[in-house]
Amino acid sequence: MTGENAATAPIEWLTLPDLAAMLGETVGRVRRMLDDRQFVASRRDGGVLKVPAAFVVDGRPLSALRGTLFVLHDAGFSDDEAIDWLFSPEETIGMPPLDALRQGRKSEVRRVAQALA
């Protein structure tokens, strides 16, 4: 997948320096946040590591994302597959899982993610 789908707008991507600036952190700290699964990144545009901008809410990492990423990775998803799933419409949720997470519906999203294992 290209990081886009027909039902949603294209994903806005942030380079690690852009994400660091948005969060008021260093690039090193952002890399640690990636290691801690507060975010997940993908190599785009010639191999540049990028993070979807939608993973940031009010200048902070989306709090429900970390646990959801653990569930997806436990289910065998790669980082790219996790990003694609989060942005793709999910019939059982009625919207892309990321939209549901941003609405505070993390339990429902994680239940669906666990069922994918």
Protein backbone atom coordinates (compact mmCIF):
# COMPACT_ATOMS: atom_id res chain seq x y z
CA MET A 1 0.00 0.00 0.00
CA THR A 2 1.09 3.57 -0.52
CA GLY A 3 -0.09 4.85 2.84
CA GLU A 4 -3.32 6.07 1.30
CA ASN A 5 -6.66 4.46 0.67
CA ALA A 6 -9.74 5.44 -1.25
CA ALA A 7 -11.86 6.16 1.81
CA THR A 8 -9.56 8.60 3.56
CA ALA A 9 -7.38 11.56 2.73
CA PRO A 10 -3.70 10.99 2.07
CA ILE A 11 -1.57 10.50 5.16
CA GLU A 12 0.49 13.54 6.13
CA TRP A 13 4.00 12.34 6.97
CA LEU A 14 6.56 13.95 9.30
CA THR A 15 10.29 13.36 9.17
CA LEU A 16 11.92 12.73 12.55
CA PRO A 17 13.34 16.29 12.69
CA ASP A 18 9.86 17.68 11.86
CA LEU A 19 8.27 15.49 14.55
CA ALA A 20 10.94 16.54 17.05
CA ALA A 21 10.22 20.21 16.33
CA MET A 22 6.46 19.65 16.67
CA LEU A 23 6.93 17.94 20.04
CA GLY A 24 9.64 20.30 21.29
CA GLU A 25 12.01 17.34 21.68
CA THR A 26 15.37 16.30 20.25
CA VAL A 27 15.62 13.83 17.38
CA GLY A 28 17.35 11.45 19.82
CA ARG A 29 14.36 11.63 22.16
CA VAL A 30 12.00 11.00 19.21
CA ARG A 31 14.03 7.90 18.31
CA ARG A 32 13.64 6.66 21.90
CA MET A 33 9.89 7.31 21.62
CA LEU A 34 9.89 5.10 18.51
CA ASP A 35 11.80 2.41 20.41
CA ASP A 36 9.22 2.68 23.23
CA ARG A 37 6.40 2.28 20.65
CA GLN A 38 4.86 5.67 21.40
CA PHE A 39 4.98 6.04 17.61
CA VAL A 40 5.63 3.80 14.65
CA ALA A 41 7.46 4.95 11.53
CA SER A 42 7.82 3.89 7.93
CA ARG A 43 10.48 4.44 5.30
CA ARG A 44 8.94 6.67 2.62
CA ASP A 45 10.21 8.88 -0.21
CA GLY A 46 13.47 7.13 -0.92
CA GLY A 47 13.97 5.54 2.47
CA VAL A 48 13.39 8.55 4.73
CA LEU A 49 11.97 7.46 8.10
CA LYS A 50 8.62 9.20 8.63
CA VAL A 51 5.76 9.16 11.14
CA PRO A 52 2.10 9.95 10.35
CA ALA A 53 1.24 13.42 11.65
CA ALA A 54 -2.11 12.07 12.90
CA PHE A 55 -0.22 10.22 15.66
CA VAL A 56 0.27 13.62 17.37
CA VAL A 57 -2.60 15.28 19.25
CA ASP A 58 -2.18 18.72 20.81
CA GLY A 59 1.60 18.53 20.52
CA ARG A 60 1.85 15.14 22.26
CA PRO A 61 1.82 11.49 21.16
CA LEU A 62 -1.70 10.03 20.90
CA SER A 63 -1.85 8.26 24.27
CA ALA A 64 -3.97 5.30 23.10
CA LEU A 65 -1.57 4.51 20.26
CA ARG A 66 1.21 2.83 22.27
CA GLY A 67 -0.84 -0.03 23.69
CA THR A 68 -2.57 -0.54 20.36
CA LEU A 69 0.80 -0.83 18.62
CA PHE A 70 1.85 -3.50 21.12
CA VAL A 71 -1.33 -5.46 20.36
CA LEU A 72 -0.77 -5.17 16.60
CA HIS A 73 2.87 -6.22 16.84
CA ASP A 74 1.90 -9.16 19.09
CA ALA A 75 -0.55 -10.13 16.31
CA GLY A 76 2.37 -10.24 13.88
CA PHE A 77 1.94 -6.89 12.14
CA SER A 78 5.01 -5.12 10.77
CA ASP A 79 5.29 -1.36 11.30
CA ASP A 80 4.02 -0.70 7.77
CA GLU A 81 1.12 -3.14 8.20
CA ALA A 82 0.19 -1.51 11.52
CA ILE A 83 0.13 1.93 9.91
CA ASP A 84 -1.94 0.66 6.99
CA TRP A 85 -4.44 -1.02 9.34
CA LEU A 86 -4.77 2.06 11.54
CA PHE A 87 -5.63 4.25 8.54
CA SER A 88 -7.87 1.78 6.65
CA PRO A 89 -11.64 1.64 7.21
CA GLU A 90 -12.47 -1.20 9.59
CA GLU A 91 -15.98 -2.57 9.11
CA THR A 92 -16.41 -3.78 12.69
CA ILE A 93 -15.54 -0.33 14.07
CA GLY A 94 -17.28 1.67 11.35
CA MET A 95 -14.26 3.87 10.66
CA PRO A 96 -10.48 3.69 10.46
CA PRO A 97 -9.10 2.46 13.79
CA LEU A 98 -6.97 5.60 14.19
CA ASP A 99 -10.10 7.77 14.04
CA ALA A 100 -11.68 5.60 16.74
CA LEU A 101 -8.54 5.91 18.90
CA ARG A 102 -8.66 9.69 18.52
CA GLN A 103 -12.28 9.52 19.75
CA GLY A 104 -11.26 7.62 22.88
CA ARG A 105 -12.44 4.18 21.75
CA LYS A 106 -9.18 2.33 22.49
CA SER A 107 -10.78 -0.75 24.10
CA GLU A 108 -12.89 -1.40 21.02
CA VAL A 109 -9.93 -0.90 18.67
CA ARG A 110 -7.70 -3.20 20.71
CA ARG A 111 -10.38 -5.89 20.85
CA VAL A 112 -10.60 -5.87 17.05
CA ALA A 113 -6.79 -5.85 16.75
CA GLN A 114 -6.49 -8.85 19.09
CA ALA A 115 -9.00 -10.77 16.97
CA LEU A 116 -6.65 -10.38 14.00
CA ALA A 117 -3.96 -12.55 15.62
